[in-house]
Amino acid sequence: MAEPEVAPEPANPMESIWRSILLGTEPRFRRTRGLLKRFPSPPRCKMCAAPFEGPFGPVMRAIGRARWSGNSKYCAYCFHVVEALHGGAEIECSLFFADVRGSTSLAEGMTPMQFRRLLDRFYGVATDVLVEQDGIIDKFVGDEVVAIFVPALTQDRHASRAVAAARALLAATGNSDPGGPWLPIGAGIATGVAFVGSVGTRDHRELTALGDIVNTAARLASAAAAGEILLTIPALEQAGLASADLPRRTLELKGKAEPVVAAVVAGSG
């Protein structure tokens, strides 16, 4: 007797919408961000890159893209999109983490206000670099910046754009200068499948990424020395750097059951 056919699970309409946004088959999002990122200046909406300040700040406010009162990282328009489309999709993307090396020692040698100003400078430089390379800024956490590179904005070059952003950030913070950096930075990049979408409570939702590659990228950034970028092998291959003669390092990363092999890229490369 033939086994009865099992009906496929119905498609999740929200997942389909998110997938189209994240993979770039939804053209309006990509066109809008491509336009808005050309207008000065930071700080910007982390989703559409609309500038909140500078000469175009009043224009953005007039068209409904002012800071949303509940979460100043988003413009009001994008937050309502994130709110309406609560959910996300699993896609292949690249995760970027960069953080300050020796921030505890740095903080000990200056006043809290001086340290805050130093980090504000870092946040501003990182924002400029990541927006220029079409990364979506996930969050600033203490002395660390997190960004997501998705196909909608980078096509199939999300890993190479993440590497370009890391190199630019290290250069902008002086990590390739002979006299040393004004802020020592290390970076980690991982490529693979992650859940990207809107998470959180009804009143506070964030566009973010979840999954093993997020954790791996974070651990790599923590393991990177000042002026170093550590890449997973999938990120290395997706970035087109597999043929480069780059040193490899086998790392025991916190929380990972198996050692992780990472390629070491110098920031000035």
Protein backbone atom coordinates (compact mmCIF):
# COMPACT_ATOMS: atom_id res chain seq x y z
CA MET A 1 0.00 0.00 0.00
CA ALA A 2 1.36 3.37 -0.96
CA GLU A 3 2.10 5.72 1.90
CA PRO A 4 -0.19 8.75 2.02
CA GLU A 5 1.31 11.94 0.73
CA VAL A 6 2.25 14.47 3.36
CA ALA A 7 1.18 17.97 2.47
CA PRO A 8 4.01 20.51 2.65
CA GLU A 9 3.87 23.06 5.42
CA PRO A 10 2.24 26.30 4.27
CA ALA A 11 4.67 29.08 3.48
CA ASN A 12 5.04 31.75 6.11
CA PRO A 13 4.08 34.99 4.35
CA MET A 14 6.19 37.14 6.70
CA GLU A 15 9.22 34.93 6.12
CA SER A 16 8.72 35.27 2.37
CA ILE A 17 8.56 39.06 2.64
CA TRP A 18 11.66 39.20 4.82
CA ARG A 19 13.55 36.88 2.48
CA SER A 20 12.74 39.12 -0.47
CA ILE A 21 13.97 42.17 1.45
CA LEU A 22 17.18 40.49 2.66
CA LEU A 23 18.05 38.84 -0.66
CA GLY A 24 17.37 41.97 -2.69
CA THR A 25 14.43 40.75 -4.70
CA GLU A 26 12.40 43.55 -3.08
CA PRO A 27 13.74 46.47 -5.15
CA ARG A 28 12.32 49.42 -3.22
CA PHE A 29 14.38 48.81 -0.08
CA ARG A 30 17.65 48.58 -1.97
CA ARG A 31 16.94 51.68 -4.09
CA THR A 32 15.91 53.73 -1.07
CA ARG A 33 18.99 52.85 1.00
CA GLY A 34 21.27 53.38 -2.00
CA LEU A 35 19.88 56.89 -2.36
CA LEU A 36 19.75 57.90 1.31
CA LYS A 37 23.27 56.79 2.18
CA ARG A 38 24.58 59.43 -0.26
CA PHE A 39 23.13 62.25 1.82
CA PRO A 40 25.26 63.58 4.72
CA SER A 41 25.59 62.93 7.60
CA PRO A 42 25.70 60.50 10.54
CA PRO A 43 24.07 59.47 12.79
CA ARG A 44 21.79 57.48 10.49
CA CYS A 45 18.87 55.09 10.60
CA LYS A 46 20.45 51.64 10.91
CA MET A 47 18.01 50.17 8.40
CA CYS A 48 17.57 52.69 5.56
CA ALA A 49 20.63 54.96 6.25
CA ALA A 50 18.51 58.14 6.35
CA PRO A 51 20.60 60.92 7.96
CA PHE A 52 19.20 62.33 11.19
CA GLU A 53 21.53 65.32 11.26
CA GLY A 54 23.31 67.58 8.80
CA PRO A 55 21.76 69.57 5.97
CA PHE A 56 19.26 66.84 5.06
CA GLY A 57 18.08 66.15 8.62
CA PRO A 58 15.12 68.57 8.30
CA VAL A 59 14.18 67.05 4.94
CA MET A 60 14.16 63.54 6.44
CA ARG A 61 11.99 64.72 9.31
CA ALA A 62 9.58 66.35 6.88
CA ILE A 63 9.10 63.08 4.97
CA GLY A 64 8.58 60.94 8.07
CA ARG A 65 12.14 59.67 8.56
CA ALA A 66 12.92 61.44 11.84
CA ARG A 67 14.29 59.40 14.75
CA TRP A 68 11.64 57.13 16.17
CA SER A 69 10.91 58.15 19.77
CA GLY A 70 11.00 54.57 21.05
CA ASN A 71 14.37 53.61 19.54
CA SER A 72 16.64 56.35 18.22
CA LYS A 73 18.57 53.90 16.03
CA TYR A 74 15.66 53.83 13.55
CA CYS A 75 13.73 56.43 11.66
CA ALA A 76 10.02 56.36 12.39
CA TYR A 77 9.21 55.01 8.93
CA CYS A 78 11.56 52.02 9.16
CA PHE A 79 10.53 51.16 12.69
CA HIS A 80 6.92 50.89 11.62
CA VAL A 81 8.06 48.53 8.85
CA VAL A 82 10.01 46.42 11.37
CA GLU A 83 7.02 46.48 13.72
CA ALA A 84 4.58 45.45 11.00
CA LEU A 85 6.86 42.71 9.68
CA HIS A 86 7.83 41.14 13.01
CA GLY A 87 9.77 38.04 12.01
CA GLY A 88 12.64 37.28 9.66
CA ALA A 89 14.29 34.63 7.50
CA GLU A 90 17.35 32.39 7.42
CA ILE A 91 19.79 33.57 4.76
CA GLU A 92 23.47 33.30 3.97
CA CYS A 93 25.21 36.48 5.07
CA SER A 94 28.37 37.75 6.72
CA LEU A 95 28.68 38.97 10.31
CA PHE A 96 31.17 41.65 11.29
CA PHE A 97 32.43 42.39 14.80
CA ALA A 98 35.12 44.90 15.74
CA ASP A 99 36.14 45.91 19.21
CA VAL A 100 38.73 47.90 21.09
CA ARG A 101 41.76 46.05 22.38
CA GLY A 102 42.73 46.91 25.94
CA SER A 103 39.76 49.17 26.60
CA THR A 104 40.03 48.62 30.37
CA SER A 105 43.59 49.94 30.41
CA LEU A 106 42.60 52.84 28.16
CA ALA A 107 39.76 53.80 30.47
CA GLU A 108 42.07 53.72 33.49
CA GLY A 109 44.29 56.36 31.91
CA MET A 110 41.60 58.98 31.27
CA THR A 111 38.48 60.48 32.77
CA PRO A 112 35.09 58.89 32.07
CA MET A 113 34.18 61.87 29.86
CA GLN A 114 37.39 61.53 27.85
CA PHE A 115 36.74 57.82 27.38
CA ARG A 116 33.18 58.52 26.25
CA ARG A 117 34.47 61.02 23.69
CA LEU A 118 36.99 58.47 22.43
CA LEU A 119 34.25 55.88 21.94
CA ASP A 120 31.97 58.44 20.29
CA ARG A 121 34.74 59.11 17.79
CA PHE A 122 35.05 55.37 17.19
CA TYR A 123 31.28 55.01 16.71
CA GLY A 124 31.26 57.86 14.18
CA VAL A 125 34.15 56.44 12.16
CA ALA A 126 32.64 52.93 12.24
CA THR A 127 29.26 54.24 11.08
CA ASP A 128 30.82 56.03 8.10
CA VAL A 129 32.84 52.96 7.10
CA LEU A 130 30.00 50.46 7.46
CA VAL A 131 27.43 52.57 5.63
CA GLU A 132 29.93 53.17 2.82
CA GLN A 133 30.41 49.39 2.46
CA ASP A 134 26.64 48.73 2.67
CA GLY A 135 26.70 47.01 6.03
CA ILE A 136 23.65 47.20 8.30
CA ILE A 137 24.77 48.37 11.73
CA ASP A 138 23.27 45.95 14.23
CA LYS A 139 24.45 47.57 17.45
CA PHE A 140 27.14 49.37 19.42
CA VAL A 141 27.82 47.53 22.67
CA GLY A 142 30.34 49.21 24.93
CA ASP A 143 33.56 49.24 22.93
CA GLU A 144 32.27 46.95 20.15
CA VAL A 145 30.44 47.47 16.86
CA VAL A 146 28.38 44.74 15.19
CA ALA A 147 27.20 44.79 11.57
CA ILE A 148 25.40 42.48 9.14
CA PHE A 149 26.20 42.23 5.44
CA VAL A 150 23.26 40.85 3.47
CA PRO A 151 22.83 40.02 -0.24
CA ALA A 152 20.17 42.72 -0.73
CA LEU A 153 22.85 45.38 -0.37
CA THR A 154 25.99 43.55 -1.48
CA GLN A 155 24.76 40.83 -3.87
CA ASP A 156 27.10 37.85 -3.51
CA ARG A 157 29.96 39.99 -2.18
CA HIS A 158 28.86 40.23 1.44
CA ALA A 159 32.07 38.67 2.79
CA SER A 160 34.38 40.79 0.64
CA ARG A 161 32.50 43.95 1.64
CA ALA A 162 32.82 42.97 5.30
CA VAL A 163 36.57 42.52 4.82
CA ALA A 164 36.78 45.88 3.04
CA ALA A 165 34.92 47.50 5.93
CA ALA A 166 37.24 45.92 8.50
CA ARG A 167 40.33 47.09 6.61
CA ALA A 168 38.92 50.59 6.26
CA LEU A 169 38.03 50.75 9.95
CA LEU A 170 41.48 49.61 11.02
CA ALA A 171 43.05 52.18 8.70
CA ALA A 172 40.75 54.96 9.94
CA THR A 173 41.68 54.21 13.56
CA GLY A 174 45.39 54.29 12.75
CA ASN A 175 46.06 50.58 13.18
CA SER A 176 48.28 50.54 10.10
CA ASP A 177 50.16 53.73 11.02
CA PRO A 178 53.86 53.43 11.90
CA GLY A 179 53.29 55.58 14.98
CA GLY A 180 50.53 53.34 16.25
CA PRO A 181 46.73 53.70 16.39
CA TRP A 182 44.69 56.33 18.16
CA LEU A 183 42.48 53.36 19.06
CA PRO A 184 43.65 49.71 18.85
CA ILE A 185 41.02 47.60 17.06
CA GLY A 186 40.65 43.91 16.21
CA ALA A 187 37.93 42.44 13.96
CA GLY A 188 36.24 39.11 13.29
CA ILE A 189 34.16 38.04 10.26
CA ALA A 190 32.12 34.87 9.78
CA THR A 191 30.02 33.80 6.80
CA GLY A 192 27.15 31.32 6.88
CA VAL A 193 23.44 30.96 7.48
CA ALA A 194 21.89 33.21 10.15
CA PHE A 195 18.40 34.28 11.08
CA VAL A 196 18.08 37.96 10.21
CA GLY A 197 14.99 39.90 11.12
CA SER A 198 12.98 41.77 13.72
CA VAL A 199 13.18 40.49 17.29
CA GLY A 200 12.14 41.85 20.66
CA THR A 201 9.05 42.93 22.51
CA ARG A 202 6.02 44.77 21.22
CA ASP A 203 7.44 48.11 22.37
CA HIS A 204 11.10 47.55 21.54
CA ARG A 205 12.10 45.64 18.43
CA GLU A 206 15.49 45.41 16.76
CA LEU A 207 16.75 44.33 13.36
CA THR A 208 19.43 41.81 14.24
CA ALA A 209 21.04 38.47 13.36
CA LEU A 210 20.97 35.26 15.39
CA GLY A 211 22.78 31.96 15.05
CA ASP A 212 26.11 30.20 15.36
CA ILE A 213 27.96 32.43 12.89
CA VAL A 214 27.06 35.46 15.01
CA ASN A 215 28.69 33.89 18.04
CA THR A 216 31.70 32.79 16.00
CA ALA A 217 32.31 36.26 14.58
CA ALA A 218 32.09 37.74 18.09
CA ARG A 219 34.64 35.25 19.44
CA LEU A 220 36.99 35.90 16.53
CA ALA A 221 36.89 39.64 17.17
CA SER A 222 37.78 38.99 20.81
CA ALA A 223 40.70 36.79 19.73
CA ALA A 224 42.07 39.22 17.13
CA ALA A 225 45.08 41.32 18.06
CA ALA A 226 45.14 45.05 17.36
CA GLY A 227 45.38 45.55 13.60
CA GLU A 228 44.18 42.01 12.80
CA ILE A 229 41.10 40.66 11.05
CA LEU A 230 40.24 37.01 11.71
CA LEU A 231 38.05 35.27 9.10
CA THR A 232 36.39 31.89 9.14
CA ILE A 233 37.32 29.71 6.17
CA PRO A 234 33.83 30.09 4.58
CA ALA A 235 34.25 33.88 4.84
CA LEU A 236 37.73 33.61 3.32
CA GLU A 237 36.39 31.60 0.39
CA GLN A 238 33.31 33.75 -0.16
CA ALA A 239 35.50 36.87 -0.15
CA GLY A 240 37.67 35.41 -2.92
CA LEU A 241 40.77 35.26 -0.73
CA ALA A 242 41.22 31.48 -0.63
CA SER A 243 44.14 31.63 -3.06
CA ALA A 244 45.93 34.30 -1.02
CA ASP A 245 48.89 33.18 1.04
CA LEU A 246 47.37 34.10 4.39
CA PRO A 247 48.44 32.65 7.72
CA ARG A 248 46.00 30.35 9.49
CA ARG A 249 45.36 30.07 13.18
CA THR A 250 43.55 27.27 15.03
CA LEU A 251 41.61 28.77 17.91
CA GLU A 252 39.83 27.36 20.93
CA LEU A 253 36.92 29.80 21.09
CA LYS A 254 34.78 30.15 24.19
CA GLY A 255 31.54 28.20 23.88
CA LYS A 256 32.61 26.31 20.73
CA ALA A 257 32.83 22.53 20.98
CA GLU A 258 35.48 22.24 18.26
CA PRO A 259 38.51 24.39 17.42
CA VAL A 260 37.95 26.99 14.71
CA VAL A 261 40.46 27.57 11.94
CA ALA A 262 40.71 31.24 11.05
CA ALA A 263 42.66 33.13 8.42
CA VAL A 264 44.58 36.20 9.55
CA VAL A 265 44.26 39.32 7.42
CA ALA A 266 46.29 42.45 8.15
CA GLY A 267 44.27 45.63 8.16
CA SER A 268 46.52 47.33 5.63
CA GLY A 269 46.37 44.42 3.16
